[in-house]
Amino acid sequence: MRTFHSYWAYIVLASNLAVGSWGLFIWRRKSSPARAFWVALGAAWATIYVQGAFGLAMFERYKPDFRHHFYGFLFAIITLCVLPVRSEQPRTRLLVFSVASIFIGIVAIRAITSV
């Protein structure tokens, strides 16, 4: 399980950086995102919750330092905090969700190195 958690962290990192960059590209071109973008965003954010579930399952056995599980909770909090933006203008929603994904991807680097 620990190996899966370690490798899955790279999937969280890559998927969030990729979808965030894609979103910023769409936003910069002043285009409207296709349904595929929103599906990819949902999948990237789902990787966060899969990672968190495995992290919580291993928490008692491996007891990571505070910073490591702080980052895990931070990812979930970020995704939940930007959800109210769903009702905003489409371009604003695209920008906020894309920046949140890029932030998650960047902070995932720090979470990976804090083990």
PDB file of N, CA and C in Angstrom:
ATOM      1  N   MET A   1       0.819  -1.189   0.000  1.00  0.00           N
ATOM      2  CA  MET A   1       0.000   0.000   0.000  1.00  0.00           C
ATOM      3  C   MET A   1       0.870   1.263   0.000  1.00  0.00           C
ATOM      4  N   ARG A   2       1.995   1.197   0.701  1.00  0.00           N
ATOM      5  CA  ARG A   2       2.877   2.361   0.754  1.00  0.00           C
ATOM      6  C   ARG A   2       3.477   2.669  -0.622  1.00  0.00           C
ATOM      7  N   THR A   3       3.802   1.635  -1.366  1.00  0.00           N
ATOM      8  CA  THR A   3       4.341   1.821  -2.707  1.00  0.00           C
ATOM      9  C   THR A   3       3.300   2.471  -3.613  1.00  0.00           C
ATOM     10  N   PHE A   4       2.061   1.991  -3.520  1.00  0.00           N
ATOM     11  CA  PHE A   4       0.983   2.583  -4.316  1.00  0.00           C
ATOM     12  C   PHE A   4       0.828   4.063  -3.970  1.00  0.00           C
ATOM     13  N   HIS A   5       0.834   4.365  -2.685  1.00  0.00           N
ATOM     14  CA  HIS A   5       0.700   5.757  -2.236  1.00  0.00           C
ATOM     15  C   HIS A   5       1.846   6.613  -2.784  1.00  0.00           C
ATOM     16  N   SER A   6       3.039   6.077  -2.800  1.00  0.00           N
ATOM     17  CA  SER A   6       4.193   6.826  -3.309  1.00  0.00           C
ATOM     18  C   SER A   6       4.077   7.083  -4.803  1.00  0.00           C
ATOM     19  N   TYR A   7       3.711   6.066  -5.564  1.00  0.00           N
ATOM     20  CA  TYR A   7       3.592   6.237  -7.017  1.00  0.00           C
ATOM     21  C   TYR A   7       2.375   7.078  -7.387  1.00  0.00           C
ATOM     22  N   TRP A   8       1.293   6.916  -6.660  1.00  0.00           N
ATOM     23  CA  TRP A   8       0.069   7.667  -6.949  1.00  0.00           C
ATOM     24  C   TRP A   8       0.295   9.169  -6.756  1.00  0.00           C
ATOM     25  N   ALA A   9       1.210   9.536  -5.892  1.00  0.00           N
ATOM     26  CA  ALA A   9       1.515  10.953  -5.676  1.00  0.00           C
ATOM     27  C   ALA A   9       1.975  11.612  -6.973  1.00  0.00           C
ATOM     28  N   TYR A  10       2.705  10.877  -7.780  1.00  0.00           N
ATOM     29  CA  TYR A  10       3.151  11.426  -9.064  1.00  0.00           C
ATOM     30  C   TYR A  10       1.989  11.581 -10.041  1.00  0.00           C
ATOM     31  N   ILE A  11       1.003  10.725  -9.936  1.00  0.00           N
ATOM     32  CA  ILE A  11      -0.196  10.855 -10.772  1.00  0.00           C
ATOM     33  C   ILE A  11      -0.976  12.094 -10.345  1.00  0.00           C
ATOM     34  N   VAL A  12      -1.083  12.317  -9.043  1.00  0.00           N
ATOM     35  CA  VAL A  12      -1.741  13.535  -8.540  1.00  0.00           C
ATOM     36  C   VAL A  12      -1.015  14.765  -9.071  1.00  0.00           C
ATOM     37  N   LEU A  13       0.285  14.764  -8.947  1.00  0.00           N
ATOM     38  CA  LEU A  13       1.094  15.891  -9.394  1.00  0.00           C
ATOM     39  C   LEU A  13       0.919  16.136 -10.894  1.00  0.00           C
ATOM     40  N   ALA A  14       1.141  15.119 -11.702  1.00  0.00           N
ATOM     41  CA  ALA A  14       1.099  15.272 -13.160  1.00  0.00           C
ATOM     42  C   ALA A  14      -0.294  15.621 -13.665  1.00  0.00           C
ATOM     43  N   SER A  15      -1.309  14.969 -13.127  1.00  0.00           N
ATOM     44  CA  SER A  15      -2.656  15.227 -13.632  1.00  0.00           C
ATOM     45  C   SER A  15      -3.118  16.639 -13.298  1.00  0.00           C
ATOM     46  N   ASN A  16      -2.803  17.113 -12.118  1.00  0.00           N
ATOM     47  CA  ASN A  16      -3.226  18.464 -11.748  1.00  0.00           C
ATOM     48  C   ASN A  16      -2.435  19.536 -12.490  1.00  0.00           C
ATOM     49  N   LEU A  17      -1.146  19.321 -12.683  1.00  0.00           N
ATOM     50  CA  LEU A  17      -0.373  20.286 -13.463  1.00  0.00           C
ATOM     51  C   LEU A  17      -0.839  20.310 -14.919  1.00  0.00           C
ATOM     52  N   ALA A  18      -1.132  19.142 -15.467  1.00  0.00           N
ATOM     53  CA  ALA A  18      -1.565  19.065 -16.869  1.00  0.00           C
ATOM     54  C   ALA A  18      -2.922  19.732 -17.075  1.00  0.00           C
ATOM     55  N   VAL A  19      -3.885  19.400 -16.234  1.00  0.00           N
ATOM     56  CA  VAL A  19      -5.225  19.970 -16.424  1.00  0.00           C
ATOM     57  C   VAL A  19      -5.233  21.459 -16.081  1.00  0.00           C
ATOM     58  N   GLY A  20      -4.439  21.870 -15.117  1.00  0.00           N
ATOM     59  CA  GLY A  20      -4.345  23.292 -14.798  1.00  0.00           C
ATOM     60  C   GLY A  20      -3.726  24.090 -15.930  1.00  0.00           C
ATOM     61  N   SER A  21      -2.699  23.540 -16.529  1.00  0.00           N
ATOM     62  CA  SER A  21      -2.060  24.204 -17.668  1.00  0.00           C
ATOM     63  C   SER A  21      -3.003  24.250 -18.866  1.00  0.00           C
ATOM     64  N   TRP A  22      -3.715  23.174 -19.080  1.00  0.00           N
ATOM     65  CA  TRP A  22      -4.699  23.121 -20.161  1.00  0.00           C
ATOM     66  C   TRP A  22      -5.761  24.198 -19.955  1.00  0.00           C
ATOM     67  N   GLY A  23      -6.241  24.314 -18.738  1.00  0.00           N
ATOM     68  CA  GLY A  23      -7.246  25.323 -18.429  1.00  0.00           C
ATOM     69  C   GLY A  23      -6.741  26.742 -18.636  1.00  0.00           C
ATOM     70  N   LEU A  24      -5.511  27.005 -18.214  1.00  0.00           N
ATOM     71  CA  LEU A  24      -4.948  28.338 -18.439  1.00  0.00           C
ATOM     72  C   LEU A  24      -4.760  28.629 -19.918  1.00  0.00           C
ATOM     73  N   PHE A  25      -4.403  27.609 -20.678  1.00  0.00           N
ATOM     74  CA  PHE A  25      -4.271  27.768 -22.130  1.00  0.00           C
ATOM     75  C   PHE A  25      -5.623  28.134 -22.746  1.00  0.00           C
ATOM     76  N   ILE A  26      -6.666  27.437 -22.347  1.00  0.00           N
ATOM     77  CA  ILE A  26      -8.015  27.731 -22.848  1.00  0.00           C
ATOM     78  C   ILE A  26      -8.432  29.136 -22.421  1.00  0.00           C
ATOM     79  N   TRP A  27      -8.167  29.478 -21.174  1.00  0.00           N
ATOM     80  CA  TRP A  27      -8.545  30.792 -20.657  1.00  0.00           C
ATOM     81  C   TRP A  27      -7.821  31.899 -21.412  1.00  0.00           C
ATOM     82  N   ARG A  28      -6.538  31.701 -21.661  1.00  0.00           N
ATOM     83  CA  ARG A  28      -5.728  32.706 -22.356  1.00  0.00           C
ATOM     84  C   ARG A  28      -6.208  32.925 -23.788  1.00  0.00           C
ATOM     85  N   ARG A  29      -6.669  31.866 -24.425  1.00  0.00           N
ATOM     86  CA  ARG A  29      -7.173  31.976 -25.798  1.00  0.00           C
ATOM     87  C   ARG A  29      -8.601  32.513 -25.838  1.00  0.00           C
ATOM     88  N   LYS A  30      -9.176  32.728 -24.662  1.00  0.00           N
ATOM     89  CA  LYS A  30     -10.560  33.216 -24.538  1.00  0.00           C
ATOM     90  C   LYS A  30     -11.549  32.275 -25.223  1.00  0.00           C
ATOM     91  N   SER A  31     -11.259  30.992 -25.101  1.00  0.00           N
ATOM     92  CA  SER A  31     -12.124  29.951 -25.645  1.00  0.00           C
ATOM     93  C   SER A  31     -13.032  29.421 -24.553  1.00  0.00           C
ATOM     94  N   SER A  32     -13.982  28.650 -24.965  1.00  0.00           N
ATOM     95  CA  SER A  32     -14.856  27.973 -24.017  1.00  0.00           C
ATOM     96  C   SER A  32     -14.360  26.535 -23.860  1.00  0.00           C
ATOM     97  N   PRO A  33     -14.192  26.071 -22.636  1.00  0.00           N
ATOM     98  CA  PRO A  33     -13.663  24.717 -22.450  1.00  0.00           C
ATOM     99  C   PRO A  33     -14.670  23.663 -22.898  1.00  0.00           C
ATOM    100  N   ALA A  34     -14.156  22.625 -23.506  1.00  0.00           N
ATOM    101  CA  ALA A  34     -14.984  21.493 -23.913  1.00  0.00           C
ATOM    102  C   ALA A  34     -15.319  20.647 -22.690  1.00  0.00           C
ATOM    103  N   ARG A  35     -16.277  19.784 -22.846  1.00  0.00           N
ATOM    104  CA  ARG A  35     -16.674  18.896 -21.757  1.00  0.00           C
ATOM    105  C   ARG A  35     -15.490  18.044 -21.303  1.00  0.00           C
ATOM    106  N   ALA A  36     -14.611  17.701 -22.237  1.00  0.00           N
ATOM    107  CA  ALA A  36     -13.441  16.882 -21.903  1.00  0.00           C
ATOM    108  C   ALA A  36     -12.569  17.548 -20.845  1.00  0.00           C
ATOM    109  N   PHE A  37     -12.473  18.869 -20.882  1.00  0.00           N
ATOM    110  CA  PHE A  37     -11.675  19.563 -19.874  1.00  0.00           C
ATOM    111  C   PHE A  37     -12.270  19.353 -18.482  1.00  0.00           C
ATOM    112  N   TRP A  38     -13.573  19.511 -18.358  1.00  0.00           N
ATOM    113  CA  TRP A  38     -14.212  19.375 -17.042  1.00  0.00           C
ATOM    114  C   TRP A  38     -14.138  17.942 -16.535  1.00  0.00           C
ATOM    115  N   VAL A  39     -14.210  16.977 -17.445  1.00  0.00           N
ATOM    116  CA  VAL A  39     -14.048  15.576 -17.049  1.00  0.00           C
ATOM    117  C   VAL A  39     -12.615  15.338 -16.556  1.00  0.00           C
ATOM    118  N   ALA A  40     -11.643  15.888 -17.287  1.00  0.00           N
ATOM    119  CA  ALA A  40     -10.236  15.747 -16.881  1.00  0.00           C
ATOM    120  C   ALA A  40      -9.986  16.424 -15.536  1.00  0.00           C
ATOM    121  N   LEU A  41     -10.590  17.585 -15.320  1.00  0.00           N
ATOM    122  CA  LEU A  41     -10.448  18.275 -14.038  1.00  0.00           C
ATOM    123  C   LEU A  41     -11.018  17.422 -12.908  1.00  0.00           C
ATOM    124  N   GLY A  42     -12.190  16.862 -13.128  1.00  0.00           N
ATOM    125  CA  GLY A  42     -12.789  15.990 -12.116  1.00  0.00           C
ATOM    126  C   GLY A  42     -11.933  14.773 -11.832  1.00  0.00           C
ATOM    127  N   ALA A  43     -11.358  14.203 -12.874  1.00  0.00           N
ATOM    128  CA  ALA A  43     -10.483  13.037 -12.688  1.00  0.00           C
ATOM    129  C   ALA A  43      -9.217  13.423 -11.930  1.00  0.00           C
ATOM    130  N   ALA A  44      -8.647  14.581 -12.265  1.00  0.00           N
ATOM    131  CA  ALA A  44      -7.438  15.035 -11.568  1.00  0.00           C
ATOM    132  C   ALA A  44      -7.734  15.281 -10.092  1.00  0.00           C
ATOM    133  N   TRP A  45      -8.874  15.890  -9.822  1.00  0.00           N
ATOM    134  CA  TRP A  45      -9.209  16.133  -8.419  1.00  0.00           C
ATOM    135  C   TRP A  45      -9.594  14.850  -7.704  1.00  0.00           C
ATOM    136  N   ALA A  46     -10.134  13.880  -8.420  1.00  0.00           N
ATOM    137  CA  ALA A  46     -10.445  12.587  -7.800  1.00  0.00           C
ATOM    138  C   ALA A  46      -9.167  11.886  -7.353  1.00  0.00           C
ATOM    139  N   THR A  47      -8.073  12.089  -8.084  1.00  0.00           N
ATOM    140  CA  THR A  47      -6.806  11.472  -7.678  1.00  0.00           C
ATOM    141  C   THR A  47      -6.375  11.959  -6.297  1.00  0.00           C
ATOM    142  N   ILE A  48      -6.738  13.182  -5.966  1.00  0.00           N
ATOM    143  CA  ILE A  48      -6.400  13.738  -4.656  1.00  0.00           C
ATOM    144  C   ILE A  48      -7.092  12.956  -3.548  1.00  0.00           C
ATOM    145  N   TYR A  49      -8.373  12.664  -3.762  1.00  0.00           N
ATOM    146  CA  TYR A  49      -9.138  11.968  -2.724  1.00  0.00           C
ATOM    147  C   TYR A  49      -8.739  10.496  -2.618  1.00  0.00           C
ATOM    148  N   VAL A  50      -8.337   9.879  -3.733  1.00  0.00           N
ATOM    149  CA  VAL A  50      -7.814   8.511  -3.678  1.00  0.00           C
ATOM    150  C   VAL A  50      -6.518   8.507  -2.870  1.00  0.00           C
ATOM    151  N   GLN A  51      -5.658   9.471  -3.148  1.00  0.00           N
ATOM    152  CA  GLN A  51      -4.391   9.590  -2.419  1.00  0.00           C
ATOM    153  C   GLN A  51      -4.653   9.808  -0.931  1.00  0.00           C
ATOM    154  N   GLY A  52      -5.595  10.664  -0.626  1.00  0.00           N
ATOM    155  CA  GLY A  52      -5.925  10.938   0.774  1.00  0.00           C
ATOM    156  C   GLY A  52      -6.471   9.717   1.492  1.00  0.00           C
ATOM    157  N   ALA A  53      -7.296   8.944   0.808  1.00  0.00           N
ATOM    158  CA  ALA A  53      -7.856   7.737   1.418  1.00  0.00           C
ATOM    159  C   ALA A  53      -6.756   6.730   1.747  1.00  0.00           C
ATOM    160  N   PHE A  54      -5.824   6.552   0.823  1.00  0.00           N
ATOM    161  CA  PHE A  54      -4.712   5.645   1.105  1.00  0.00           C
ATOM    162  C   PHE A  54      -3.804   6.206   2.193  1.00  0.00           C
ATOM    163  N   GLY A  55      -3.616   7.503   2.197  1.00  0.00           N
ATOM    164  CA  GLY A  55      -2.808   8.121   3.239  1.00  0.00           C
ATOM    165  C   GLY A  55      -3.422   7.943   4.620  1.00  0.00           C
ATOM    166  N   LEU A  56      -4.730   8.115   4.695  1.00  0.00           N
ATOM    167  CA  LEU A  56      -5.399   7.920   5.983  1.00  0.00           C
ATOM    168  C   LEU A  56      -5.352   6.462   6.428  1.00  0.00           C
ATOM    169  N   ALA A  57      -5.442   5.547   5.468  1.00  0.00           N
ATOM    170  CA  ALA A  57      -5.372   4.124   5.810  1.00  0.00           C
ATOM    171  C   ALA A  57      -4.004   3.750   6.375  1.00  0.00           C
ATOM    172  N   MET A  58      -2.960   4.438   5.926  1.00  0.00           N
ATOM    173  CA  MET A  58      -1.604   4.132   6.387  1.00  0.00           C
ATOM    174  C   MET A  58      -1.148   5.006   7.543  1.00  0.00           C
ATOM    175  N   PHE A  59      -1.939   5.979   7.912  1.00  0.00           N
ATOM    176  CA  PHE A  59      -1.509   6.986   8.881  1.00  0.00           C
ATOM    177  C   PHE A  59      -1.035   6.384  10.200  1.00  0.00           C
ATOM    178  N   GLU A  60      -1.811   5.503  10.758  1.00  0.00           N
ATOM    179  CA  GLU A  60      -1.485   4.957  12.083  1.00  0.00           C
ATOM    180  C   GLU A  60      -0.215   4.105  12.044  1.00  0.00           C
ATOM    181  N   ARG A  61       0.025   3.443  10.937  1.00  0.00           N
ATOM    182  CA  ARG A  61       1.182   2.551  10.856  1.00  0.00           C
ATOM    183  C   ARG A  61       2.493   3.304  10.622  1.00  0.00           C
ATOM    184  N   TYR A  62       2.478   4.318   9.726  1.00  0.00           N
ATOM    185  CA  TYR A  62       3.719   4.969   9.337  1.00  0.00           C
ATOM    186  C   TYR A  62       3.956   6.321   9.996  1.00  0.00           C
ATOM    187  N   LYS A  63       2.915   6.951  10.495  1.00  0.00           N
ATOM    188  CA  LYS A  63       3.010   8.220  11.213  1.00  0.00           C
ATOM    189  C   LYS A  63       3.948   9.228  10.536  1.00  0.00           C
ATOM    190  N   PRO A  64       3.504   9.800   9.396  1.00  0.00           N
ATOM    191  CA  PRO A  64       4.349  10.803   8.730  1.00  0.00           C
ATOM    192  C   PRO A  64       4.427  12.080   9.557  1.00  0.00           C
ATOM    193  N   ASP A  65       5.407  12.914   9.242  1.00  0.00           N
ATOM    194  CA  ASP A  65       5.510  14.169   9.980  1.00  0.00           C
ATOM    195  C   ASP A  65       4.323  15.078   9.650  1.00  0.00           C
ATOM    196  N   PHE A  66       4.153  16.092  10.457  1.00  0.00           N
ATOM    197  CA  PHE A  66       2.980  16.967  10.350  1.00  0.00           C
ATOM    198  C   PHE A  66       2.850  17.594   8.973  1.00  0.00           C
ATOM    199  N   ARG A  67       3.949  18.046   8.402  1.00  0.00           N
ATOM    200  CA  ARG A  67       3.886  18.721   7.098  1.00  0.00           C
ATOM    201  C   ARG A  67       3.277  17.833   6.027  1.00  0.00           C
ATOM    202  N   HIS A  68       3.607  16.559   6.040  1.00  0.00           N
ATOM    203  CA  HIS A  68       3.129  15.668   4.993  1.00  0.00           C
ATOM    204  C   HIS A  68       1.610  15.549   5.004  1.00  0.00           C
ATOM    205  N   HIS A  69       1.024  15.289   6.152  1.00  0.00           N
ATOM    206  CA  HIS A  69      -0.440  15.167   6.149  1.00  0.00           C
ATOM    207  C   HIS A  69      -1.120  16.533   6.101  1.00  0.00           C
ATOM    208  N   PHE A  70      -0.430  17.596   6.483  1.00  0.00           N
ATOM    209  CA  PHE A  70      -0.984  18.941   6.292  1.00  0.00           C
ATOM    210  C   PHE A  70      -1.222  19.208   4.807  1.00  0.00           C
ATOM    211  N   TYR A  71      -0.251  18.839   3.969  1.00  0.00           N
ATOM    212  CA  TYR A  71      -0.407  19.047   2.531  1.00  0.00           C
ATOM    213  C   TYR A  71      -1.589  18.244   1.991  1.00  0.00           C
ATOM    214  N   GLY A  72      -1.754  17.036   2.471  1.00  0.00           N
ATOM    215  CA  GLY A  72      -2.887  16.217   2.031  1.00  0.00           C
ATOM    216  C   GLY A  72      -4.216  16.873   2.344  1.00  0.00           C
ATOM    217  N   PHE A  73      -4.355  17.381   3.561  1.00  0.00           N
ATOM    218  CA  PHE A  73      -5.591  18.069   3.919  1.00  0.00           C
ATOM    219  C   PHE A  73      -5.734  19.385   3.163  1.00  0.00           C
ATOM    220  N   LEU A  74      -4.633  20.046   2.887  1.00  0.00           N
ATOM    221  CA  LEU A  74      -4.667  21.296   2.136  1.00  0.00           C
ATOM    222  C   LEU A  74      -5.256  21.075   0.745  1.00  0.00           C
ATOM    223  N   PHE A  75      -4.888  19.980   0.089  1.00  0.00           N
ATOM    224  CA  PHE A  75      -5.423  19.693  -1.242  1.00  0.00           C
ATOM    225  C   PHE A  75      -6.939  19.556  -1.210  1.00  0.00           C
ATOM    226  N   ALA A  76      -7.431  18.816  -0.246  1.00  0.00           N
ATOM    227  CA  ALA A  76      -8.881  18.634  -0.138  1.00  0.00           C
ATOM    228  C   ALA A  76      -9.578  19.956   0.179  1.00  0.00           C
ATOM    229  N   ILE A  77      -8.982  20.748   1.044  1.00  0.00           N
ATOM    230  CA  ILE A  77      -9.576  22.037   1.403  1.00  0.00           C
ATOM    231  C   ILE A  77      -9.610  22.972   0.193  1.00  0.00           C
ATOM    232  N   ILE A  78      -8.564  22.974  -0.604  1.00  0.00           N
ATOM    233  CA  ILE A  78      -8.539  23.829  -1.795  1.00  0.00           C
ATOM    234  C   ILE A  78      -9.670  23.453  -2.739  1.00  0.00           C
ATOM    235  N   THR A  79      -9.819  22.169  -3.009  1.00  0.00           N
ATOM    236  CA  THR A  79     -10.875  21.755  -3.934  1.00  0.00           C
ATOM    237  C   THR A  79     -12.251  22.127  -3.402  1.00  0.00           C
ATOM    238  N   LEU A  80     -12.441  22.014  -2.110  1.00  0.00           N
ATOM    239  CA  LEU A  80     -13.742  22.357  -1.537  1.00  0.00           C
ATOM    240  C   LEU A  80     -13.974  23.868  -1.486  1.00  0.00           C
ATOM    241  N   CYS A  81     -12.921  24.639  -1.304  1.00  0.00           N
ATOM    242  CA  CYS A  81     -13.062  26.101  -1.222  1.00  0.00           C
ATOM    243  C   CYS A  81     -13.365  26.749  -2.563  1.00  0.00           C
ATOM    244  N   VAL A  82     -12.926  26.152  -3.655  1.00  0.00           N
ATOM    245  CA  VAL A  82     -13.194  26.760  -4.956  1.00  0.00           C
ATOM    246  C   VAL A  82     -14.522  26.301  -5.553  1.00  0.00           C
ATOM    247  N   LEU A  83     -15.163  25.326  -4.965  1.00  0.00           N
ATOM    248  CA  LEU A  83     -16.434  24.856  -5.508  1.00  0.00           C
ATOM    249  C   LEU A  83     -17.519  25.938  -5.587  1.00  0.00           C
ATOM    250  N   PRO A  84     -17.606  26.875  -4.657  1.00  0.00           N
ATOM    251  CA  PRO A  84     -18.637  27.919  -4.804  1.00  0.00           C
ATOM    252  C   PRO A  84     -18.465  28.785  -6.049  1.00  0.00           C
ATOM    253  N   VAL A  85     -17.311  28.754  -6.672  1.00  0.00           N
ATOM    254  CA  VAL A  85     -17.065  29.547  -7.879  1.00  0.00           C
ATOM    255  C   VAL A  85     -17.809  28.949  -9.078  1.00  0.00           C
ATOM    256  N   ARG A  86     -18.370  27.757  -8.922  1.00  0.00           N
ATOM    257  CA  ARG A  86     -19.100  27.121 -10.025  1.00  0.00           C
ATOM    258  C   ARG A  86     -20.193  28.005 -10.590  1.00  0.00           C
ATOM    259  N   SER A  87     -20.775  28.858  -9.782  1.00  0.00           N
ATOM    260  CA  SER A  87     -21.885  29.682 -10.248  1.00  0.00           C
ATOM    261  C   SER A  87     -21.439  31.020 -10.834  1.00  0.00           C
ATOM    262  N   GLU A  88     -20.143  31.279 -10.876  1.00  0.00           N
ATOM    263  CA  GLU A  88     -19.627  32.537 -11.428  1.00  0.00           C
ATOM    264  C   GLU A  88     -19.610  32.486 -12.952  1.00  0.00           C
ATOM    265  N   GLN A  89     -19.120  33.557 -13.535  1.00  0.00           N
ATOM    266  CA  GLN A  89     -18.970  33.616 -14.988  1.00  0.00           C
ATOM    267  C   GLN A  89     -18.076  32.465 -15.459  1.00  0.00           C
ATOM    268  N   PRO A  90     -18.333  31.921 -16.645  1.00  0.00           N
ATOM    269  CA  PRO A  90     -17.548  30.768 -17.119  1.00  0.00           C
ATOM    270  C   PRO A  90     -16.039  31.020 -17.174  1.00  0.00           C
ATOM    271  N   ARG A  91     -15.618  32.214 -17.594  1.00  0.00           N
ATOM    272  CA  ARG A  91     -14.180  32.493 -17.658  1.00  0.00           C
ATOM    273  C   ARG A  91     -13.563  32.583 -16.272  1.00  0.00           C
ATOM    274  N   THR A  92     -14.295  33.164 -15.341  1.00  0.00           N
ATOM    275  CA  THR A  92     -13.800  33.243 -13.960  1.00  0.00           C
ATOM    276  C   THR A  92     -13.681  31.851 -13.371  1.00  0.00           C
ATOM    277  N   ARG A  93     -14.686  31.029 -13.583  1.00  0.00           N
ATOM    278  CA  ARG A  93     -14.678  29.655 -13.081  1.00  0.00           C
ATOM    279  C   ARG A  93     -13.494  28.891 -13.664  1.00  0.00           C
ATOM    280  N   LEU A  94     -13.264  29.024 -14.962  1.00  0.00           N
ATOM    281  CA  LEU A  94     -12.156  28.345 -15.622  1.00  0.00           C
ATOM    282  C   LEU A  94     -10.817  28.775 -15.028  1.00  0.00           C
ATOM    283  N   LEU A  95     -10.644  30.068 -14.836  1.00  0.00           N
ATOM    284  CA  LEU A  95      -9.388  30.580 -14.287  1.00  0.00           C
ATOM    285  C   LEU A  95      -9.155  30.085 -12.865  1.00  0.00           C
ATOM    286  N   VAL A  96     -10.146  30.185 -12.022  1.00  0.00           N
ATOM    287  CA  VAL A  96      -9.991  29.786 -10.612  1.00  0.00           C
ATOM    288  C   VAL A  96      -9.705  28.296 -10.500  1.00  0.00           C
ATOM    289  N   PHE A  97     -10.440  27.474 -11.225  1.00  0.00           N
ATOM    290  CA  PHE A  97     -10.230  26.034 -11.149  1.00  0.00           C
ATOM    291  C   PHE A  97      -8.860  25.651 -11.711  1.00  0.00           C
ATOM    292  N   SER A  98      -8.424  26.325 -12.767  1.00  0.00           N
ATOM    293  CA  SER A  98      -7.119  26.026 -13.357  1.00  0.00           C
ATOM    294  C   SER A  98      -5.985  26.412 -12.422  1.00  0.00           C
ATOM    295  N   VAL A  99      -6.077  27.595 -11.831  1.00  0.00           N
ATOM    296  CA  VAL A  99      -5.038  28.032 -10.895  1.00  0.00           C
ATOM    297  C   VAL A  99      -5.001  27.117  -9.669  1.00  0.00           C
ATOM    298  N   ALA A 100      -6.161  26.702  -9.191  1.00  0.00           N
ATOM    299  CA  ALA A 100      -6.208  25.780  -8.048  1.00  0.00           C
ATOM    300  C   ALA A 100      -5.513  24.463  -8.390  1.00  0.00           C
ATOM    301  N   SER A 101      -5.737  23.959  -9.594  1.00  0.00           N
ATOM    302  CA  SER A 101      -5.094  22.702  -9.996  1.00  0.00           C
ATOM    303  C   SER A 101      -3.585  22.853 -10.110  1.00  0.00           C
ATOM    304  N   ILE A 102      -3.142  23.966 -10.665  1.00  0.00           N
ATOM    305  CA  ILE A 102      -1.695  24.189 -10.762  1.00  0.00           C
ATOM    306  C   ILE A 102      -1.087  24.324  -9.373  1.00  0.00           C
ATOM    307  N   PHE A 103      -1.767  25.021  -8.479  1.00  0.00           N
ATOM    308  CA  PHE A 103      -1.280  25.157  -7.105  1.00  0.00           C
ATOM    309  C   PHE A 103      -1.172  23.789  -6.439  1.00  0.00           C
ATOM    310  N   ILE A 104      -2.182  22.951  -6.625  1.00  0.00           N
ATOM    311  CA  ILE A 104      -2.150  21.600  -6.060  1.00  0.00           C
ATOM    312  C   ILE A 104      -0.969  20.820  -6.618  1.00  0.00           C
ATOM    313  N   GLY A 105      -0.744  20.918  -7.924  1.00  0.00           N
ATOM    314  CA  GLY A 105       0.377  20.215  -8.537  1.00  0.00           C
ATOM    315  C   GLY A 105       1.723  20.674  -7.998  1.00  0.00           C
ATOM    316  N   ILE A 106       1.862  21.983  -7.817  1.00  0.00           N
ATOM    317  CA  ILE A 106       3.126  22.523  -7.302  1.00  0.00           C
ATOM    318  C   ILE A 106       3.346  22.111  -5.841  1.00  0.00           C
ATOM    319  N   VAL A 107       2.314  22.196  -5.047  1.00  0.00           N
ATOM    320  CA  VAL A 107       2.449  21.827  -3.636  1.00  0.00           C
ATOM    321  C   VAL A 107       2.629  20.313  -3.500  1.00  0.00           C
ATOM    322  N   ALA A 108       2.134  19.545  -4.461  1.00  0.00           N
ATOM    323  CA  ALA A 108       2.342  18.095  -4.428  1.00  0.00           C
ATOM    324  C   ALA A 108       3.834  17.758  -4.485  1.00  0.00           C
ATOM    325  N   ILE A 109       4.585  18.570  -5.183  1.00  0.00           N
ATOM    326  CA  ILE A 109       6.038  18.363  -5.224  1.00  0.00           C
ATOM    327  C   ILE A 109       6.603  18.431  -3.802  1.00  0.00           C
ATOM    328  N   ARG A 110       6.164  19.422  -3.063  1.00  0.00           N
ATOM    329  CA  ARG A 110       6.634  19.593  -1.682  1.00  0.00           C
ATOM    330  C   ARG A 110       6.143  18.440  -0.799  1.00  0.00           C
ATOM    331  N   ALA A 111       4.917  18.006  -1.023  1.00  0.00           N
ATOM    332  CA  ALA A 111       4.390  16.889  -0.222  1.00  0.00           C
ATOM    333  C   ALA A 111       5.180  15.609  -0.480  1.00  0.00           C
ATOM    334  N   ILE A 112       5.560  15.389  -1.724  1.00  0.00           N
ATOM    335  CA  ILE A 112       6.337  14.198  -2.077  1.00  0.00           C
ATOM    336  C   ILE A 112       7.706  14.222  -1.406  1.00  0.00           C
ATOM    337  N   THR A 113       8.306  15.402  -1.341  1.00  0.00           N
ATOM    338  CA  THR A 113       9.649  15.488  -0.764  1.00  0.00           C
ATOM    339  C   THR A 113       9.640  15.561   0.755  1.00  0.00           C
ATOM    340  N   SER A 114       8.481  15.690   1.367  1.00  0.00           N
ATOM    341  CA  SER A 114       8.428  15.824   2.832  1.00  0.00           C
ATOM    342  C   SER A 114       8.238  14.488   3.540  1.00  0.00           C
ATOM    343  N   VAL A 115       8.343  13.400   2.829  1.00  0.00           N
ATOM    344  CA  VAL A 115       8.143  12.079   3.449  1.00  0.00           C
ATOM    345  C   VAL A 115       9.344  11.709   4.274  1.00  0.00           C
TER     346      VAL A 115
END
